[in-house]
Amino acid sequence: MKVALITGVGGQDGSYLAELLLDKGYQVHGLIRHSSAEKYKSRLATIAGVPERKDNFVLHYGDITDSASLVRMLAEIQPDEVYNLAAQTHVKVSFDLPEHTMNTTALGALHVLEAIRTTKSDCRFYQASSSEIFGTAASPQNESSPLEPQSPYGCAKAVAHLLTASYREAYGIWAVSGIMFNHESPRRGTDFVTRKISKAVAKIAAGEQDELHLGNLKAERDWGFAGDYVVAMWQMLQTDTPEDYVIGTGESHSVREFARLAFEYLDLNYEDYVRHDPDLERPAEVINLRADITKAEKGLGWKPTVGIEELVQMMVDADKQKL
């Protein structure tokens, strides 16, 4: 039985990845902050409710900013695979909390890498990188695109990305970064724009909300389904050679288009409800992010299975059901 450690297991990606690995016969250890346990309980409900999953799932309370605890945990668990998904993941929040973002997102990755080096673990390491490291680089972006981050979050992810490559080259650690473009699901946090839209559409259709206020409607992102992307994470650690991969859909859509699709799904005109609010815009915006997934298609045999319309409908349906 393979053993995996997932930091940030209570997040959107962590919960999908834990389910995937448990279904593949892994024993999964998940790291979660004690203060976040209640908040993320619903995401892990599908594990707690299935005996075959629950029996091989171990939850540990801790924090990637505590390097000593990571060393102890790695020595105790001796994982075959480590997936570092823990971070402060909200771009706009990173402008308000830049130091916290750097401590958790950049230094957190360093702490995990140092724990692997210190314990002389022969595990395989996955770092959750982000398309935000590309920033203003020309679209579409691939593994060779320049790093031009435009936010503290993007800068922190770029540091973690470079550290992963550095530890791979300097210490021979089997380490890769998955450069994930935006990926969403019904488990997405409500403070992210896609979930903010799907939740508002459900409430407006039910007569519980009148308007939806959004920031930059022109920003374009490559949006995919989180359940697809965790498969790519796992596939990266099954290859013969550690290499970084860009993961996305190859399509970009604006925030306006995402909102239009969500409202039209419930036979509503988005223009009747969406209001632009400049206070919700970021101090520095990334205009267009679109993935070139040629390497992932060839090297991993990976392709997304969920398109933008299906993703939007999935999220709206989930929020309708929650009401």
Protein backbone atom coordinates (compact mmCIF):
# COMPACT_ATOMS: atom_id res chain seq x y z
CA MET A 1 0.00 0.00 0.00
CA LYS A 2 1.43 3.36 -1.05
CA VAL A 3 1.41 6.16 1.52
CA ALA A 4 0.70 9.78 0.57
CA LEU A 5 0.78 13.02 2.55
CA ILE A 6 -1.40 15.92 1.39
CA THR A 7 -0.94 19.35 2.92
CA GLY A 8 -4.04 21.50 2.63
CA VAL A 9 -6.20 18.39 2.41
CA GLY A 10 -9.29 20.33 3.48
CA GLY A 11 -9.21 22.58 0.43
CA GLN A 12 -10.95 22.05 -2.89
CA ASP A 13 -8.01 20.26 -4.52
CA GLY A 14 -6.99 18.42 -1.37
CA SER A 15 -10.38 16.80 -0.94
CA TYR A 16 -10.60 15.67 -4.59
CA LEU A 17 -7.02 14.38 -4.50
CA ALA A 18 -7.60 12.47 -1.25
CA GLU A 19 -10.62 10.74 -2.79
CA LEU A 20 -8.65 9.85 -5.91
CA LEU A 21 -5.72 8.36 -3.97
CA LEU A 22 -7.96 6.44 -1.56
CA ASP A 23 -9.82 4.92 -4.49
CA LYS A 24 -6.45 3.86 -5.92
CA GLY A 25 -5.64 1.98 -2.71
CA TYR A 26 -3.38 4.50 -1.00
CA GLN A 27 -3.17 5.22 2.69
CA VAL A 28 -3.65 8.98 2.81
CA HIS A 29 -2.44 11.31 5.54
CA GLY A 30 -3.87 14.81 5.42
CA LEU A 31 -2.48 17.92 7.08
CA ILE A 32 -5.01 20.52 8.16
CA ARG A 33 -4.97 23.51 10.49
CA HIS A 34 -7.03 22.90 13.61
CA SER A 35 -8.79 26.25 13.22
CA SER A 36 -9.95 25.22 9.73
CA ALA A 37 -11.28 21.76 10.53
CA GLU A 38 -14.92 22.77 10.94
CA LYS A 39 -14.84 24.96 7.85
CA TYR A 40 -13.63 22.14 5.62
CA LYS A 41 -15.69 19.32 7.13
CA SER A 42 -18.20 19.33 4.26
CA ARG A 43 -15.46 18.83 1.65
CA LEU A 44 -14.21 15.73 3.44
CA ALA A 45 -17.69 14.31 4.06
CA THR A 46 -17.42 11.95 1.09
CA ILE A 47 -14.41 10.35 2.79
CA ALA A 48 -15.96 10.08 6.25
CA GLY A 49 -19.10 8.50 4.79
CA VAL A 50 -17.34 5.68 2.92
CA PRO A 51 -15.79 2.99 5.15
CA GLU A 52 -13.21 1.91 2.54
CA ARG A 53 -11.97 5.48 2.33
CA LYS A 54 -12.26 6.37 6.00
CA ASP A 55 -10.21 3.35 7.16
CA ASN A 56 -7.18 4.50 5.16
CA PHE A 57 -7.47 8.22 5.84
CA VAL A 58 -5.58 9.84 8.72
CA LEU A 59 -6.02 13.51 9.56
CA HIS A 60 -3.20 15.43 11.24
CA TYR A 61 -3.54 18.88 12.73
CA GLY A 62 -0.60 21.13 11.94
CA ASP A 63 0.71 23.97 9.82
CA ILE A 64 3.31 24.15 7.05
CA THR A 65 4.75 27.26 8.71
CA ASP A 66 5.88 24.98 11.58
CA SER A 67 8.96 23.30 10.11
CA ALA A 68 9.78 21.14 13.14
CA SER A 69 6.37 19.47 13.08
CA LEU A 70 6.79 18.70 9.37
CA VAL A 71 10.09 16.95 10.05
CA ARG A 72 8.48 14.84 12.77
CA MET A 73 5.52 14.01 10.58
CA LEU A 74 7.64 12.91 7.61
CA ALA A 75 9.83 10.76 9.85
CA GLU A 76 6.75 9.11 11.33
CA ILE A 77 4.67 8.65 8.18
CA GLN A 78 7.49 7.92 5.72
CA PRO A 79 5.31 8.75 2.71
CA ASP A 80 5.94 7.59 -0.84
CA GLU A 81 4.37 10.78 -2.20
CA VAL A 82 3.96 14.29 -0.78
CA TYR A 83 1.53 16.76 -2.32
CA ASN A 84 1.97 20.34 -1.10
CA LEU A 85 -1.36 22.07 -1.71
CA ALA A 86 -1.43 24.26 1.42
CA ALA A 87 -1.22 28.00 0.79
CA GLN A 88 -3.00 31.32 1.04
CA THR A 89 -4.71 30.91 -2.32
CA HIS A 90 -6.72 34.10 -2.89
CA VAL A 91 -5.08 36.64 -5.22
CA LYS A 92 -7.00 39.71 -4.01
CA VAL A 93 -6.42 38.79 -0.34
CA SER A 94 -2.69 38.62 -1.05
CA PHE A 95 -2.65 42.37 -1.65
CA ASP A 96 -4.09 42.89 1.84
CA LEU A 97 -1.96 40.19 3.51
CA PRO A 98 1.29 40.03 1.52
CA GLU A 99 3.49 38.88 4.41
CA HIS A 100 1.07 36.13 5.44
CA THR A 101 0.82 35.05 1.79
CA MET A 102 4.59 34.82 1.44
CA ASN A 103 4.97 32.95 4.74
CA THR A 104 2.41 30.27 3.91
CA THR A 105 2.73 30.01 0.14
CA ALA A 106 6.48 30.47 -0.43
CA LEU A 107 8.12 29.65 2.91
CA GLY A 108 5.59 26.87 3.49
CA ALA A 109 6.86 25.10 0.37
CA LEU A 110 10.43 25.65 1.56
CA HIS A 111 9.62 24.07 4.93
CA VAL A 112 8.23 20.95 3.25
CA LEU A 113 11.24 20.67 0.93
CA GLU A 114 13.63 21.15 3.86
CA ALA A 115 11.77 18.49 5.84
CA ILE A 116 12.21 16.05 2.94
CA ARG A 117 15.92 16.91 2.71
CA THR A 118 16.46 16.74 6.49
CA THR A 119 14.78 13.35 6.89
CA LYS A 120 16.53 12.03 3.75
CA SER A 121 13.14 10.91 2.51
CA ASP A 122 13.06 9.24 -0.91
CA CYS A 123 9.46 10.35 -1.48
CA ARG A 124 8.23 12.04 -4.62
CA PHE A 125 7.18 15.67 -4.10
CA TYR A 126 4.46 17.63 -5.89
CA GLN A 127 4.28 21.41 -5.59
CA ALA A 128 1.02 23.15 -6.48
CA SER A 129 2.20 25.92 -8.75
CA SER A 130 -0.13 28.44 -10.38
CA SER A 131 -0.73 30.19 -13.68
CA GLU A 132 -0.48 33.45 -11.71
CA ILE A 133 3.32 33.06 -11.90
CA PHE A 134 3.03 34.00 -15.59
CA GLY A 135 1.18 37.26 -14.98
CA THR A 136 1.56 39.44 -18.05
CA ALA A 137 3.50 36.89 -20.12
CA ALA A 138 2.14 36.44 -23.64
CA SER A 139 -0.76 34.00 -24.00
CA PRO A 140 -0.93 31.02 -24.35
CA GLN A 141 1.53 30.18 -21.60
CA ASN A 142 3.59 26.99 -21.44
CA GLU A 143 6.43 25.56 -19.35
CA SER A 144 8.94 27.91 -21.00
CA SER A 145 6.97 31.14 -20.59
CA PRO A 146 8.66 33.87 -18.53
CA LEU A 147 7.61 34.44 -14.93
CA GLU A 148 5.95 37.87 -14.68
CA PRO A 149 3.70 37.70 -11.58
CA GLN A 150 1.52 40.72 -10.84
CA SER A 151 0.41 40.03 -7.26
CA PRO A 152 1.95 38.97 -3.93
CA TYR A 153 0.24 35.62 -4.45
CA GLY A 154 1.80 35.21 -7.89
CA CYS A 155 5.21 36.21 -6.52
CA ALA A 156 4.93 33.73 -3.63
CA LYS A 157 3.93 30.93 -6.00
CA ALA A 158 6.85 31.84 -8.27
CA VAL A 159 9.26 31.55 -5.33
CA ALA A 160 7.83 28.13 -4.40
CA HIS A 161 8.04 27.05 -8.03
CA LEU A 162 11.70 28.05 -8.31
CA LEU A 163 12.56 26.50 -4.95
CA THR A 164 11.13 23.17 -6.12
CA ALA A 165 13.38 23.24 -9.18
CA SER A 166 16.33 24.29 -7.05
CA TYR A 167 15.93 21.41 -4.58
CA ARG A 168 15.49 19.00 -7.47
CA GLU A 169 18.79 20.09 -9.01
CA ALA A 170 20.81 20.77 -5.84
CA TYR A 171 19.80 17.82 -3.68
CA GLY A 172 18.42 15.27 -6.14
CA ILE A 173 14.95 15.37 -4.57
CA TRP A 174 12.30 13.87 -6.86
CA ALA A 175 10.25 17.06 -7.12
CA VAL A 176 7.89 18.56 -9.69
CA SER A 177 5.60 21.55 -10.01
CA GLY A 178 2.18 21.36 -11.60
CA ILE A 179 1.45 24.81 -13.07
CA MET A 180 -2.30 24.73 -12.65
CA PHE A 181 -4.50 27.22 -14.43
CA ASN A 182 -7.79 28.18 -12.77
CA HIS A 183 -9.80 25.14 -11.74
CA GLU A 184 -13.20 25.26 -10.11
CA SER A 185 -15.90 23.01 -8.67
CA PRO A 186 -18.87 23.06 -6.30
CA ARG A 187 -16.24 22.83 -3.53
CA ARG A 188 -14.64 26.14 -4.50
CA GLY A 189 -14.59 28.71 -1.71
CA THR A 190 -17.38 31.28 -1.84
CA ASP A 191 -14.87 34.15 -1.90
CA PHE A 192 -13.65 33.12 -5.38
CA VAL A 193 -15.37 34.80 -8.31
CA THR A 194 -16.69 31.64 -10.00
CA ARG A 195 -18.38 30.36 -6.87
CA LYS A 196 -19.55 33.88 -6.04
CA ILE A 197 -21.30 33.88 -9.41
CA SER A 198 -22.84 30.40 -9.17
CA LYS A 199 -24.09 31.03 -5.64
CA ALA A 200 -25.57 34.41 -6.56
CA VAL A 201 -27.34 32.98 -9.62
CA ALA A 202 -28.97 30.29 -7.48
CA LYS A 203 -30.08 32.85 -4.88
CA ILE A 204 -31.35 35.32 -7.48
CA ALA A 205 -33.38 32.59 -9.18
CA ALA A 206 -34.85 31.71 -5.79
CA GLY A 207 -35.71 35.34 -5.04
CA GLU A 208 -33.19 35.57 -2.18
CA GLN A 209 -30.82 38.09 -3.82
CA ASP A 210 -31.30 41.06 -6.14
CA GLU A 211 -27.90 41.88 -7.63
CA LEU A 212 -24.40 40.52 -8.12
CA HIS A 213 -21.47 42.92 -7.76
CA LEU A 214 -18.28 41.97 -9.62
CA GLY A 215 -14.91 43.60 -10.26
CA ASN A 216 -13.08 43.33 -13.59
CA LEU A 217 -15.49 41.67 -16.03
CA LYS A 218 -12.96 41.66 -18.87
CA ALA A 219 -10.30 39.51 -17.21
CA GLU A 220 -9.94 36.20 -19.06
CA ARG A 221 -9.02 32.91 -17.43
CA ASP A 222 -8.55 29.28 -18.45
CA TRP A 223 -11.18 27.58 -16.29
CA GLY A 224 -11.33 23.81 -15.80
CA PHE A 225 -12.72 21.25 -13.35
CA ALA A 226 -10.69 20.55 -10.20
CA GLY A 227 -11.57 16.86 -10.33
CA ASP A 228 -9.73 16.60 -13.67
CA TYR A 229 -6.69 18.49 -12.42
CA VAL A 230 -5.94 16.26 -9.43
CA VAL A 231 -5.63 13.35 -11.85
CA ALA A 232 -2.81 15.25 -13.56
CA MET A 233 -1.17 15.85 -10.16
CA TRP A 234 -1.10 12.13 -9.50
CA GLN A 235 0.08 11.31 -13.02
CA MET A 236 3.06 13.65 -12.66
CA LEU A 237 4.37 11.60 -9.74
CA GLN A 238 4.05 8.33 -11.69
CA THR A 239 6.45 9.34 -14.47
CA ASP A 240 10.03 8.12 -14.84
CA THR A 241 11.57 11.60 -14.81
CA PRO A 242 10.58 14.57 -12.63
CA GLU A 243 9.36 17.34 -14.92
CA ASP A 244 7.08 20.34 -14.53
CA TYR A 245 3.80 20.49 -16.48
CA VAL A 246 1.27 23.16 -17.39
CA ILE A 247 -2.31 21.97 -16.77
CA GLY A 248 -5.35 23.75 -18.19
CA THR A 249 -7.99 23.49 -20.92
CA GLY A 250 -6.40 25.56 -23.67
CA GLU A 251 -9.40 27.93 -23.71
CA SER A 252 -9.87 31.28 -22.01
CA HIS A 253 -13.15 32.94 -21.08
CA SER A 254 -13.89 36.28 -19.48
CA VAL A 255 -15.54 36.79 -16.11
CA ARG A 256 -18.43 38.37 -18.04
CA GLU A 257 -18.84 35.21 -20.12
CA PHE A 258 -18.76 32.97 -17.06
CA ALA A 259 -21.52 35.08 -15.51
CA ARG A 260 -23.54 35.08 -18.74
CA LEU A 261 -23.40 31.29 -18.98
CA ALA A 262 -24.46 30.90 -15.35
CA PHE A 263 -27.46 33.23 -15.65
CA GLU A 264 -28.55 31.86 -19.03
CA TYR A 265 -28.54 28.34 -17.59
CA LEU A 266 -31.47 29.42 -15.38
CA ASP A 267 -33.07 31.47 -18.18
CA LEU A 268 -31.95 34.80 -16.74
CA ASN A 269 -30.30 37.77 -18.46
CA TYR A 270 -27.07 38.56 -16.63
CA GLU A 271 -27.25 42.23 -17.66
CA ASP A 272 -30.34 42.63 -15.46
CA TYR A 273 -28.45 41.61 -12.34
CA VAL A 274 -24.68 42.07 -12.69
CA ARG A 275 -23.24 45.37 -11.47
CA HIS A 276 -19.64 46.45 -11.93
CA ASP A 277 -17.95 47.48 -8.68
CA PRO A 278 -14.49 49.09 -9.10
CA ASP A 279 -13.78 48.52 -5.41
CA LEU A 280 -13.63 44.78 -6.14
CA GLU A 281 -10.86 45.14 -8.71
CA ARG A 282 -7.27 44.21 -7.90
CA PRO A 283 -4.53 46.85 -7.68
CA ALA A 284 -2.78 45.05 -10.58
CA GLU A 285 -4.74 42.80 -12.93
CA VAL A 286 -3.67 39.91 -15.13
CA ILE A 287 -5.63 40.25 -18.35
CA ASN A 288 -5.38 36.88 -20.07
CA LEU A 289 -4.25 33.45 -18.91
CA ARG A 290 -4.57 30.51 -21.31
CA ALA A 291 -2.70 27.23 -21.06
CA ASP A 292 -0.71 25.48 -23.74
CA ILE A 293 -1.06 21.86 -22.58
CA THR A 294 0.89 20.24 -25.41
CA LYS A 295 3.49 18.79 -23.03
CA ALA A 296 0.86 17.32 -20.66
CA GLU A 297 -1.03 15.76 -23.57
CA LYS A 298 2.13 14.10 -24.88
CA GLY A 299 3.97 13.36 -21.64
CA LEU A 300 1.07 12.39 -19.38
CA GLY A 301 -1.66 11.50 -21.84
CA TRP A 302 -3.80 13.97 -19.90
CA LYS A 303 -6.73 15.97 -21.23
CA PRO A 304 -9.57 17.79 -19.47
CA THR A 305 -12.95 16.05 -19.56
CA VAL A 306 -15.20 18.91 -18.41
CA GLY A 307 -15.81 21.99 -20.58
CA ILE A 308 -16.74 25.49 -19.44
CA GLU A 309 -20.51 25.12 -19.92
CA GLU A 310 -20.68 21.81 -18.05
CA LEU A 311 -18.54 23.27 -15.26
CA VAL A 312 -20.79 26.32 -14.88
CA GLN A 313 -23.93 24.17 -14.84
CA MET A 314 -22.40 21.79 -12.30
CA MET A 315 -21.63 24.67 -9.93
CA VAL A 316 -25.03 26.35 -10.33
CA ASP A 317 -26.85 23.03 -9.76
CA ALA A 318 -24.82 22.41 -6.59
CA ASP A 319 -25.62 25.85 -5.20
CA LYS A 320 -29.31 25.46 -6.06
CA GLN A 321 -29.32 22.18 -4.17
CA LYS A 322 -27.68 23.78 -1.14
CA LEU A 323 -30.48 26.34 -0.97
